[in-house]
PDB file of N, CA and C in Angstrom:
ATOM      1  N   MET A   1       5.300  10.806 -10.909  1.00  0.00           N
ATOM      2  CA  MET A   1       6.037  10.322  -9.758  1.00  0.00           C
ATOM      3  C   MET A   1       6.449   8.881 -10.030  1.00  0.00           C
ATOM      4  N   ASN A   2       7.695   8.563  -9.699  1.00  0.00           N
ATOM      5  CA  ASN A   2       8.191   7.203  -9.856  1.00  0.00           C
ATOM      6  C   ASN A   2       7.851   6.378  -8.623  1.00  0.00           C
ATOM      7  N   LEU A   3       7.272   5.214  -8.867  1.00  0.00           N
ATOM      8  CA  LEU A   3       6.955   4.276  -7.797  1.00  0.00           C
ATOM      9  C   LEU A   3       7.986   3.146  -7.807  1.00  0.00           C
ATOM     10  N   PRO A   4       8.136   2.427  -6.701  1.00  0.00           N
ATOM     11  CA  PRO A   4       8.990   1.240  -6.718  1.00  0.00           C
ATOM     12  C   PRO A   4       8.452   0.251  -7.764  1.00  0.00           C
ATOM     13  N   GLU A   5       9.312  -0.620  -8.271  1.00  0.00           N
ATOM     14  CA  GLU A   5       8.893  -1.563  -9.306  1.00  0.00           C
ATOM     15  C   GLU A   5       8.124  -2.755  -8.750  1.00  0.00           C
ATOM     16  N   SER A   6       8.473  -3.187  -7.535  1.00  0.00           N
ATOM     17  CA  SER A   6       7.828  -4.376  -6.985  1.00  0.00           C
ATOM     18  C   SER A   6       8.009  -4.412  -5.470  1.00  0.00           C
ATOM     19  N   ILE A   7       7.255  -5.314  -4.852  1.00  0.00           N
ATOM     20  CA  ILE A   7       7.385  -5.540  -3.420  1.00  0.00           C
ATOM     21  C   ILE A   7       7.096  -7.013  -3.145  1.00  0.00           C
ATOM     22  N   ARG A   8       7.893  -7.609  -2.275  1.00  0.00           N
ATOM     23  CA  ARG A   8       7.669  -8.993  -1.862  1.00  0.00           C
ATOM     24  C   ARG A   8       6.913  -8.972  -0.544  1.00  0.00           C
ATOM     25  N   ILE A   9       5.802  -9.695  -0.536  1.00  0.00           N
ATOM     26  CA  ILE A   9       4.987  -9.834   0.666  1.00  0.00           C
ATOM     27  C   ILE A   9       4.759 -11.327   0.860  1.00  0.00           C
ATOM     28  N   GLY A  10       5.373 -11.868   1.901  1.00  0.00           N
ATOM     29  CA  GLY A  10       5.279 -13.305   2.124  1.00  0.00           C
ATOM     30  C   GLY A  10       5.860 -14.058   0.944  1.00  0.00           C
ATOM     31  N   TYR A  11       5.087 -14.979   0.395  1.00  0.00           N
ATOM     32  CA  TYR A  11       5.546 -15.806  -0.716  1.00  0.00           C
ATOM     33  C   TYR A  11       5.311 -15.165  -2.079  1.00  0.00           C
ATOM     34  N   LYS A  12       4.642 -14.017  -2.131  1.00  0.00           N
ATOM     35  CA  LYS A  12       4.276 -13.397  -3.403  1.00  0.00           C
ATOM     36  C   LYS A  12       5.106 -12.143  -3.674  1.00  0.00           C
ATOM     37  N   GLU A  13       5.433 -11.957  -4.928  1.00  0.00           N
ATOM     38  CA  GLU A  13       6.042 -10.700  -5.352  1.00  0.00           C
ATOM     39  C   GLU A  13       5.030  -9.982  -6.230  1.00  0.00           C
ATOM     40  N   TYR A  14       4.691  -8.772  -5.816  1.00  0.00           N
ATOM     41  CA  TYR A  14       3.719  -7.957  -6.535  1.00  0.00           C
ATOM     42  C   TYR A  14       4.447  -6.926  -7.389  1.00  0.00           C
ATOM     43  N   ARG A  15       4.056  -6.822  -8.641  1.00  0.00           N
ATOM     44  CA  ARG A  15       4.541  -5.766  -9.525  1.00  0.00           C
ATOM     45  C   ARG A  15       3.740  -4.511  -9.178  1.00  0.00           C
ATOM     46  N   ILE A  16       4.402  -3.367  -9.155  1.00  0.00           N
ATOM     47  CA  ILE A  16       3.739  -2.097  -8.846  1.00  0.00           C
ATOM     48  C   ILE A  16       3.711  -1.254 -10.114  1.00  0.00           C
ATOM     49  N   GLU A  17       2.530  -0.823 -10.492  1.00  0.00           N
ATOM     50  CA  GLU A  17       2.357   0.030 -11.667  1.00  0.00           C
ATOM     51  C   GLU A  17       1.703   1.340 -11.264  1.00  0.00           C
ATOM     52  N   ALA A  18       2.090   2.393 -11.946  1.00  0.00           N
ATOM     53  CA  ALA A  18       1.511   3.710 -11.699  1.00  0.00           C
ATOM     54  C   ALA A  18       0.123   3.800 -12.312  1.00  0.00           C
ATOM     55  N   GLN A  19      -0.745   4.405 -11.584  1.00  0.00           N
ATOM     56  CA  GLN A  19      -2.074   4.731 -12.083  1.00  0.00           C
ATOM     57  C   GLN A  19      -2.110   6.249 -12.163  1.00  0.00           C
ATOM     58  N   ASP A  20      -1.979   6.783 -13.360  1.00  0.00           N
ATOM     59  CA  ASP A  20      -1.819   8.218 -13.530  1.00  0.00           C
ATOM     60  C   ASP A  20      -3.112   9.011 -13.495  1.00  0.00           C
ATOM     61  N   ARG A  21      -4.215   8.313 -13.440  1.00  0.00           N
ATOM     62  CA  ARG A  21      -5.505   8.997 -13.348  1.00  0.00           C
ATOM     63  C   ARG A  21      -6.430   8.122 -12.512  1.00  0.00           C
ATOM     64  N   ILE A  22      -7.521   8.678 -12.079  1.00  0.00           N
ATOM     65  CA  ILE A  22      -8.498   7.890 -11.338  1.00  0.00           C
ATOM     66  C   ILE A  22      -9.070   6.835 -12.281  1.00  0.00           C
ATOM     67  N   ASP A  23      -9.092   5.611 -11.830  1.00  0.00           N
ATOM     68  CA  ASP A  23      -9.552   4.490 -12.644  1.00  0.00           C
ATOM     69  C   ASP A  23     -11.073   4.427 -12.617  1.00  0.00           C
ATOM     70  N   THR A  24     -11.695   4.889 -13.683  1.00  0.00           N
ATOM     71  CA  THR A  24     -13.156   4.921 -13.731  1.00  0.00           C
ATOM     72  C   THR A  24     -13.748   3.526 -13.856  1.00  0.00           C
ATOM     73  N   ASP A  25     -12.941   2.542 -14.253  1.00  0.00           N
ATOM     74  CA  ASP A  25     -13.436   1.170 -14.333  1.00  0.00           C
ATOM     75  C   ASP A  25     -13.421   0.486 -12.973  1.00  0.00           C
ATOM     76  N   ASN A  26     -12.861   1.132 -11.973  1.00  0.00           N
ATOM     77  CA  ASN A  26     -12.725   0.511 -10.655  1.00  0.00           C
ATOM     78  C   ASN A  26     -13.299   1.422  -9.573  1.00  0.00           C
ATOM     79  N   ASP A  27     -14.496   1.950  -9.807  1.00  0.00           N
ATOM     80  CA  ASP A  27     -15.203   2.776  -8.821  1.00  0.00           C
ATOM     81  C   ASP A  27     -14.411   4.000  -8.375  1.00  0.00           C
ATOM     82  N   SER A  28     -13.626   4.576  -9.246  1.00  0.00           N
ATOM     83  CA  SER A  28     -12.861   5.803  -8.964  1.00  0.00           C
ATOM     84  C   SER A  28     -11.850   5.645  -7.832  1.00  0.00           C
ATOM     85  N   HIS A  29     -11.348   4.450  -7.640  1.00  0.00           N
ATOM     86  CA  HIS A  29     -10.323   4.239  -6.613  1.00  0.00           C
ATOM     87  C   HIS A  29      -8.985   4.792  -7.072  1.00  0.00           C
ATOM     88  N   LEU A  30      -8.176   5.195  -6.118  1.00  0.00           N
ATOM     89  CA  LEU A  30      -6.846   5.707  -6.430  1.00  0.00           C
ATOM     90  C   LEU A  30      -5.826   4.581  -6.560  1.00  0.00           C
ATOM     91  N   GLY A  31      -6.217   3.384  -6.194  1.00  0.00           N
ATOM     92  CA  GLY A  31      -5.346   2.230  -6.329  1.00  0.00           C
ATOM     93  C   GLY A  31      -6.155   0.963  -6.152  1.00  0.00           C
ATOM     94  N   PHE A  32      -5.571  -0.143  -6.551  1.00  0.00           N
ATOM     95  CA  PHE A  32      -6.210  -1.439  -6.334  1.00  0.00           C
ATOM     96  C   PHE A  32      -5.176  -2.543  -6.479  1.00  0.00           C
ATOM     97  N   VAL A  33      -5.558  -3.729  -6.019  1.00  0.00           N
ATOM     98  CA  VAL A  33      -4.683  -4.902  -6.092  1.00  0.00           C
ATOM     99  C   VAL A  33      -5.414  -5.996  -6.854  1.00  0.00           C
ATOM    100  N   ASN A  34      -4.679  -6.691  -7.711  1.00  0.00           N
ATOM    101  CA  ASN A  34      -5.185  -7.902  -8.338  1.00  0.00           C
ATOM    102  C   ASN A  34      -4.278  -9.031  -7.868  1.00  0.00           C
ATOM    103  N   HIS A  35      -4.769  -9.845  -6.935  1.00  0.00           N
ATOM    104  CA  HIS A  35      -3.955 -10.909  -6.358  1.00  0.00           C
ATOM    105  C   HIS A  35      -3.686 -12.031  -7.355  1.00  0.00           C
ATOM    106  N   ASN A  36      -4.590 -12.234  -8.312  1.00  0.00           N
ATOM    107  CA  ASN A  36      -4.382 -13.285  -9.316  1.00  0.00           C
ATOM    108  C   ASN A  36      -3.217 -12.978 -10.245  1.00  0.00           C
ATOM    109  N   TYR A  37      -2.978 -11.700 -10.499  1.00  0.00           N
ATOM    110  CA  TYR A  37      -1.894 -11.282 -11.387  1.00  0.00           C
ATOM    111  C   TYR A  37      -0.719 -10.670 -10.634  1.00  0.00           C
ATOM    112  N   ASN A  38      -0.761 -10.748  -9.293  1.00  0.00           N
ATOM    113  CA  ASN A  38       0.317 -10.176  -8.466  1.00  0.00           C
ATOM    114  C   ASN A  38       0.611  -8.736  -8.876  1.00  0.00           C
ATOM    115  N   LEU A  39      -0.419  -7.924  -8.909  1.00  0.00           N
ATOM    116  CA  LEU A  39      -0.307  -6.566  -9.417  1.00  0.00           C
ATOM    117  C   LEU A  39      -0.907  -5.564  -8.436  1.00  0.00           C
ATOM    118  N   ILE A  40      -0.155  -4.522  -8.161  1.00  0.00           N
ATOM    119  CA  ILE A  40      -0.649  -3.358  -7.423  1.00  0.00           C
ATOM    120  C   ILE A  40      -0.660  -2.194  -8.400  1.00  0.00           C
ATOM    121  N   ARG A  41      -1.791  -1.521  -8.519  1.00  0.00           N
ATOM    122  CA  ARG A  41      -1.872  -0.263  -9.270  1.00  0.00           C
ATOM    123  C   ARG A  41      -2.095   0.820  -8.228  1.00  0.00           C
ATOM    124  N   SER A  42      -1.267   1.851  -8.252  1.00  0.00           N
ATOM    125  CA  SER A  42      -1.350   2.891  -7.242  1.00  0.00           C
ATOM    126  C   SER A  42      -1.171   4.256  -7.886  1.00  0.00           C
ATOM    127  N   GLN A  43      -1.868   5.238  -7.347  1.00  0.00           N
ATOM    128  CA  GLN A  43      -1.789   6.582  -7.910  1.00  0.00           C
ATOM    129  C   GLN A  43      -0.348   7.085  -7.924  1.00  0.00           C
ATOM    130  N   ALA A  44      -0.016   7.803  -8.981  1.00  0.00           N
ATOM    131  CA  ALA A  44       1.316   8.382  -9.126  1.00  0.00           C
ATOM    132  C   ALA A  44       1.194   9.855  -9.505  1.00  0.00           C
ATOM    133  N   HIS A  45       0.133  10.483  -9.055  1.00  0.00           N
ATOM    134  CA  HIS A  45      -0.112  11.896  -9.338  1.00  0.00           C
ATOM    135  C   HIS A  45      -0.590  12.571  -8.052  1.00  0.00           C
ATOM    136  N   GLY A  46      -0.470  13.860  -8.017  1.00  0.00           N
ATOM    137  CA  GLY A  46      -0.929  14.597  -6.841  1.00  0.00           C
ATOM    138  C   GLY A  46       0.152  14.709  -5.776  1.00  0.00           C
ATOM    139  N   GLU A  47      -0.286  14.943  -4.548  1.00  0.00           N
ATOM    140  CA  GLU A  47       0.647  15.142  -3.437  1.00  0.00           C
ATOM    141  C   GLU A  47       1.402  13.861  -3.125  1.00  0.00           C
ATOM    142  N   LYS A  48       2.689  14.013  -2.805  1.00  0.00           N
ATOM    143  CA  LYS A  48       3.524  12.859  -2.487  1.00  0.00           C
ATOM    144  C   LYS A  48       2.962  12.053  -1.316  1.00  0.00           C
ATOM    145  N   SER A  49       2.484  12.748  -0.297  1.00  0.00           N
ATOM    146  CA  SER A  49       1.968  12.039   0.875  1.00  0.00           C
ATOM    147  C   SER A  49       0.723  11.228   0.529  1.00  0.00           C
ATOM    148  N   GLU A  50      -0.094  11.725  -0.379  1.00  0.00           N
ATOM    149  CA  GLU A  50      -1.285  10.990  -0.816  1.00  0.00           C
ATOM    150  C   GLU A  50      -0.888   9.748  -1.610  1.00  0.00           C
ATOM    151  N   CYS A  51       0.126   9.889  -2.452  1.00  0.00           N
ATOM    152  CA  CYS A  51       0.619   8.735  -3.215  1.00  0.00           C
ATOM    153  C   CYS A  51       1.207   7.685  -2.281  1.00  0.00           C
ATOM    154  N   ALA A  52       1.950   8.120  -1.286  1.00  0.00           N
ATOM    155  CA  ALA A  52       2.524   7.189  -0.312  1.00  0.00           C
ATOM    156  C   ALA A  52       1.429   6.477   0.462  1.00  0.00           C
ATOM    157  N   ASN A  53       0.403   7.217   0.857  1.00  0.00           N
ATOM    158  CA  ASN A  53      -0.711   6.626   1.593  1.00  0.00           C
ATOM    159  C   ASN A  53      -1.431   5.588   0.746  1.00  0.00           C
ATOM    160  N   THR A  54      -1.655   5.884  -0.517  1.00  0.00           N
ATOM    161  CA  THR A  54      -2.343   4.944  -1.403  1.00  0.00           C
ATOM    162  C   THR A  54      -1.531   3.667  -1.572  1.00  0.00           C
ATOM    163  N   LEU A  55      -0.220   3.797  -1.791  1.00  0.00           N
ATOM    164  CA  LEU A  55       0.608   2.608  -1.955  1.00  0.00           C
ATOM    165  C   LEU A  55       0.628   1.785  -0.670  1.00  0.00           C
ATOM    166  N   LEU A  56       0.764   2.429   0.470  1.00  0.00           N
ATOM    167  CA  LEU A  56       0.730   1.713   1.749  1.00  0.00           C
ATOM    168  C   LEU A  56      -0.610   1.005   1.932  1.00  0.00           C
ATOM    169  N   HIS A  57      -1.688   1.662   1.582  1.00  0.00           N
ATOM    170  CA  HIS A  57      -3.030   1.081   1.662  1.00  0.00           C
ATOM    171  C   HIS A  57      -3.093  -0.222   0.860  1.00  0.00           C
ATOM    172  N   GLU A  58      -2.594  -0.183  -0.367  1.00  0.00           N
ATOM    173  CA  GLU A  58      -2.638  -1.377  -1.222  1.00  0.00           C
ATOM    174  C   GLU A  58      -1.714  -2.476  -0.687  1.00  0.00           C
ATOM    175  N   ILE A  59      -0.565  -2.099  -0.139  1.00  0.00           N
ATOM    176  CA  ILE A  59       0.347  -3.076   0.461  1.00  0.00           C
ATOM    177  C   ILE A  59      -0.333  -3.767   1.639  1.00  0.00           C
ATOM    178  N   LEU A  60      -1.075  -3.022   2.444  1.00  0.00           N
ATOM    179  CA  LEU A  60      -1.788  -3.621   3.566  1.00  0.00           C
ATOM    180  C   LEU A  60      -2.862  -4.606   3.086  1.00  0.00           C
ATOM    181  N   HIS A  61      -3.506  -4.316   1.960  1.00  0.00           N
ATOM    182  CA  HIS A  61      -4.444  -5.285   1.380  1.00  0.00           C
ATOM    183  C   HIS A  61      -3.706  -6.580   1.025  1.00  0.00           C
ATOM    184  N   CYS A  62      -2.511  -6.438   0.472  1.00  0.00           N
ATOM    185  CA  CYS A  62      -1.712  -7.622   0.125  1.00  0.00           C
ATOM    186  C   CYS A  62      -1.351  -8.414   1.376  1.00  0.00           C
ATOM    187  N   CYS A  63      -0.987  -7.717   2.441  1.00  0.00           N
ATOM    188  CA  CYS A  63      -0.672  -8.390   3.710  1.00  0.00           C
ATOM    189  C   CYS A  63      -1.875  -9.168   4.225  1.00  0.00           C
ATOM    190  N   CYS A  64      -3.055  -8.581   4.122  1.00  0.00           N
ATOM    191  CA  CYS A  64      -4.283  -9.267   4.551  1.00  0.00           C
ATOM    192  C   CYS A  64      -4.511 -10.520   3.720  1.00  0.00           C
ATOM    193  N   TYR A  65      -4.289 -10.426   2.414  1.00  0.00           N
ATOM    194  CA  TYR A  65      -4.521 -11.554   1.522  1.00  0.00           C
ATOM    195  C   TYR A  65      -3.503 -12.670   1.760  1.00  0.00           C
ATOM    196  N   VAL A  66      -2.236 -12.327   1.732  1.00  0.00           N
ATOM    197  CA  VAL A  66      -1.177 -13.327   1.899  1.00  0.00           C
ATOM    198  C   VAL A  66      -1.235 -13.935   3.297  1.00  0.00           C
ATOM    199  N   GLY A  67      -1.524 -13.117   4.285  1.00  0.00           N
ATOM    200  CA  GLY A  67      -1.598 -13.593   5.659  1.00  0.00           C
ATOM    201  C   GLY A  67      -2.911 -14.266   6.010  1.00  0.00           C
ATOM    202  N   GLU A  68      -3.839 -14.298   5.038  1.00  0.00           N
ATOM    203  CA  GLU A  68      -5.149 -14.915   5.243  1.00  0.00           C
ATOM    204  C   GLU A  68      -5.800 -14.422   6.541  1.00  0.00           C
ATOM    205  N   ILE A  69      -5.768 -13.098   6.712  1.00  0.00           N
ATOM    206  CA  ILE A  69      -6.279 -12.500   7.940  1.00  0.00           C
ATOM    207  C   ILE A  69      -7.793 -12.692   8.072  1.00  0.00           C
ATOM    208  N   GLY A  70      -8.510 -12.688   6.957  1.00  0.00           N
ATOM    209  CA  GLY A  70      -9.933 -12.988   7.004  1.00  0.00           C
ATOM    210  C   GLY A  70     -10.807 -11.887   7.573  1.00  0.00           C
ATOM    211  N   LEU A  71     -10.571 -10.658   7.166  1.00  0.00           N
ATOM    212  CA  LEU A  71     -11.396  -9.554   7.653  1.00  0.00           C
ATOM    213  C   LEU A  71     -12.722  -9.427   6.904  1.00  0.00           C
ATOM    214  N   GLU A  72     -12.849 -10.131   5.795  1.00  0.00           N
ATOM    215  CA  GLU A  72     -14.035 -10.098   4.959  1.00  0.00           C
ATOM    216  C   GLU A  72     -14.543  -8.683   4.722  1.00  0.00           C
ATOM    217  N   ASP A  73     -15.746  -8.381   5.181  1.00  0.00           N
ATOM    218  CA  ASP A  73     -16.376  -7.084   4.896  1.00  0.00           C
ATOM    219  C   ASP A  73     -15.695  -5.905   5.583  1.00  0.00           C
ATOM    220  N   ASP A  74     -14.905  -6.153   6.604  1.00  0.00           N
ATOM    221  CA  ASP A  74     -14.260  -5.072   7.353  1.00  0.00           C
ATOM    222  C   ASP A  74     -12.862  -4.730   6.848  1.00  0.00           C
ATOM    223  N   GLU A  75     -12.369  -5.459   5.833  1.00  0.00           N
ATOM    224  CA  GLU A  75     -10.985  -5.238   5.398  1.00  0.00           C
ATOM    225  C   GLU A  75     -10.748  -3.824   4.895  1.00  0.00           C
ATOM    226  N   GLU A  76     -11.612  -3.300   4.058  1.00  0.00           N
ATOM    227  CA  GLU A  76     -11.396  -1.958   3.502  1.00  0.00           C
ATOM    228  C   GLU A  76     -11.329  -0.916   4.608  1.00  0.00           C
ATOM    229  N   ARG A  77     -12.213  -1.004   5.566  1.00  0.00           N
ATOM    230  CA  ARG A  77     -12.214  -0.059   6.685  1.00  0.00           C
ATOM    231  C   ARG A  77     -10.944  -0.195   7.517  1.00  0.00           C
ATOM    232  N   ALA A  78     -10.570  -1.423   7.858  1.00  0.00           N
ATOM    233  CA  ALA A  78      -9.374  -1.652   8.675  1.00  0.00           C
ATOM    234  C   ALA A  78      -8.109  -1.178   7.958  1.00  0.00           C
ATOM    235  N   VAL A  79      -8.008  -1.482   6.675  1.00  0.00           N
ATOM    236  CA  VAL A  79      -6.831  -1.073   5.900  1.00  0.00           C
ATOM    237  C   VAL A  79      -6.769   0.447   5.804  1.00  0.00           C
ATOM    238  N   SER A  80      -7.880   1.095   5.576  1.00  0.00           N
ATOM    239  CA  SER A  80      -7.898   2.568   5.499  1.00  0.00           C
ATOM    240  C   SER A  80      -7.452   3.199   6.808  1.00  0.00           C
ATOM    241  N   ILE A  81      -7.965   2.701   7.910  1.00  0.00           N
ATOM    242  CA  ILE A  81      -7.587   3.245   9.221  1.00  0.00           C
ATOM    243  C   ILE A  81      -6.099   3.031   9.479  1.00  0.00           C
ATOM    244  N   LEU A  82      -5.613   1.814   9.238  1.00  0.00           N
ATOM    245  CA  LEU A  82      -4.193   1.515   9.480  1.00  0.00           C
ATOM    246  C   LEU A  82      -3.287   2.353   8.581  1.00  0.00           C
ATOM    247  N   ALA A  83      -3.597   2.442   7.297  1.00  0.00           N
ATOM    248  CA  ALA A  83      -2.753   3.215   6.375  1.00  0.00           C
ATOM    249  C   ALA A  83      -2.711   4.684   6.781  1.00  0.00           C
ATOM    250  N   ASN A  84      -3.869   5.261   7.093  1.00  0.00           N
ATOM    251  CA  ASN A  84      -3.913   6.677   7.461  1.00  0.00           C
ATOM    252  C   ASN A  84      -3.103   6.962   8.726  1.00  0.00           C
ATOM    253  N   HIS A  85      -3.213   6.093   9.714  1.00  0.00           N
ATOM    254  CA  HIS A  85      -2.494   6.317  10.968  1.00  0.00           C
ATOM    255  C   HIS A  85      -1.010   5.985  10.856  1.00  0.00           C
ATOM    256  N   LEU A  86      -0.669   4.967  10.065  1.00  0.00           N
ATOM    257  CA  LEU A  86       0.752   4.661   9.862  1.00  0.00           C
ATOM    258  C   LEU A  86       1.465   5.793   9.120  1.00  0.00           C
ATOM    259  N   ILE A  87       0.826   6.328   8.090  1.00  0.00           N
ATOM    260  CA  ILE A  87       1.432   7.457   7.359  1.00  0.00           C
ATOM    261  C   ILE A  87       1.629   8.644   8.302  1.00  0.00           C
ATOM    262  N   ALA A  88       0.630   8.944   9.112  1.00  0.00           N
ATOM    263  CA  ALA A  88       0.754  10.053  10.062  1.00  0.00           C
ATOM    264  C   ALA A  88       1.882   9.786  11.058  1.00  0.00           C
ATOM    265  N   ALA A  89       1.978   8.551  11.544  1.00  0.00           N
ATOM    266  CA  ALA A  89       3.057   8.217  12.478  1.00  0.00           C
ATOM    267  C   ALA A  89       4.417   8.364  11.810  1.00  0.00           C
ATOM    268  N   MET A  90       4.526   7.954  10.548  1.00  0.00           N
ATOM    269  CA  MET A  90       5.787   8.102   9.804  1.00  0.00           C
ATOM    270  C   MET A  90       6.137   9.571   9.609  1.00  0.00           C
ATOM    271  N   GLN A  91       5.138  10.390   9.268  1.00  0.00           N
ATOM    272  CA  GLN A  91       5.372  11.816   9.055  1.00  0.00           C
ATOM    273  C   GLN A  91       5.806  12.504  10.341  1.00  0.00           C
ATOM    274  N   ASN A  92       5.212  12.134  11.451  1.00  0.00           N
ATOM    275  CA  ASN A  92       5.475  12.792  12.726  1.00  0.00           C
ATOM    276  C   ASN A  92       6.662  12.219  13.490  1.00  0.00           C
ATOM    277  N   ASN A  93       7.107  11.022  13.124  1.00  0.00           N
ATOM    278  CA  ASN A  93       8.184  10.342  13.854  1.00  0.00           C
ATOM    279  C   ASN A  93       9.156   9.652  12.908  1.00  0.00           C
ATOM    280  N   PRO A  94       9.727  10.368  11.955  1.00  0.00           N
ATOM    281  CA  PRO A  94      10.590   9.695  10.973  1.00  0.00           C
ATOM    282  C   PRO A  94      11.785   8.986  11.611  1.00  0.00           C
ATOM    283  N   GLU A  95      12.291   9.532  12.718  1.00  0.00           N
ATOM    284  CA  GLU A  95      13.449   8.904  13.363  1.00  0.00           C
ATOM    285  C   GLU A  95      13.110   7.521  13.911  1.00  0.00           C
ATOM    286  N   VAL A  96      11.894   7.334  14.376  1.00  0.00           N
ATOM    287  CA  VAL A  96      11.470   6.020  14.886  1.00  0.00           C
ATOM    288  C   VAL A  96      11.426   5.015  13.738  1.00  0.00           C
ATOM    289  N   PHE A  97      10.892   5.419  12.597  1.00  0.00           N
ATOM    290  CA  PHE A  97      10.793   4.498  11.473  1.00  0.00           C
ATOM    291  C   PHE A  97      12.154   4.237  10.839  1.00  0.00           C
ATOM    292  N   ARG A  98      13.049   5.218  10.851  1.00  0.00           N
ATOM    293  CA  ARG A  98      14.432   4.960  10.405  1.00  0.00           C
ATOM    294  C   ARG A  98      15.082   3.933  11.320  1.00  0.00           C
ATOM    295  N   TRP A  99      14.860   4.063  12.636  1.00  0.00           N
ATOM    296  CA  TRP A  99      15.412   3.114  13.607  1.00  0.00           C
ATOM    297  C   TRP A  99      14.865   1.710  13.345  1.00  0.00           C
ATOM    298  N   ILE A 100      13.566   1.605  13.125  1.00  0.00           N
ATOM    299  CA  ILE A 100      12.951   0.305  12.852  1.00  0.00           C
ATOM    300  C   ILE A 100      13.546  -0.326  11.601  1.00  0.00           C
ATOM    301  N   ILE A 101      13.651   0.436  10.531  1.00  0.00           N
ATOM    302  CA  ILE A 101      14.216  -0.086   9.283  1.00  0.00           C
ATOM    303  C   ILE A 101      15.656  -0.507   9.469  1.00  0.00           C
ATOM    304  N   ASN A 102      16.456   0.326  10.098  1.00  0.00           N
ATOM    305  CA  ASN A 102      17.863   0.006  10.298  1.00  0.00           C
ATOM    306  C   ASN A 102      18.058  -1.233  11.173  1.00  0.00           C
ATOM    307  N   ASN A 103      17.202  -1.426  12.147  1.00  0.00           N
ATOM    308  CA  ASN A 103      17.355  -2.561  13.057  1.00  0.00           C
ATOM    309  C   ASN A 103      16.609  -3.808  12.607  1.00  0.00           C
ATOM    310  N   ALA A 104      15.788  -3.693  11.588  1.00  0.00           N
ATOM    311  CA  ALA A 104      15.057  -4.857  11.073  1.00  0.00           C
ATOM    312  C   ALA A 104      15.889  -5.647  10.068  1.00  0.00           C
ATOM    313  N   LYS A 105      16.978  -5.075   9.599  1.00  0.00           N
ATOM    314  CA  LYS A 105      17.842  -5.750   8.633  1.00  0.00           C
ATOM    315  C   LYS A 105      18.487  -6.957   9.293  1.00  0.00           C
ATOM    316  N   SER A 106      18.508  -8.042   8.538  1.00  0.00           N
ATOM    317  CA  SER A 106      19.137  -9.246   9.110  1.00  0.00           C
ATOM    318  C   SER A 106      20.573  -9.411   8.664  1.00  0.00           C
TER     319      SER A 106
END
């Protein structure tokens, strides 16, 4: 599966790389972020919706970091909940998200 090449979040631009297998060096996560190298690694195998959820999950981690939200120990839980519910909302209400995207353009 082809992933986007990069994403700008606040002042940082993150490069996005495919992770074609579970990363055994990173506790079997399907994705991860390295803020020092501006890098997102996200799964690019399996179901499309799972890949989308993983990428959104990692993007939300970047938002927490750049925005200095300060969730500390609760960040992983909060990001997982938000990503899972946002993906479900997108799947169930695509017209709402198309409207948001179309009207968010400056």
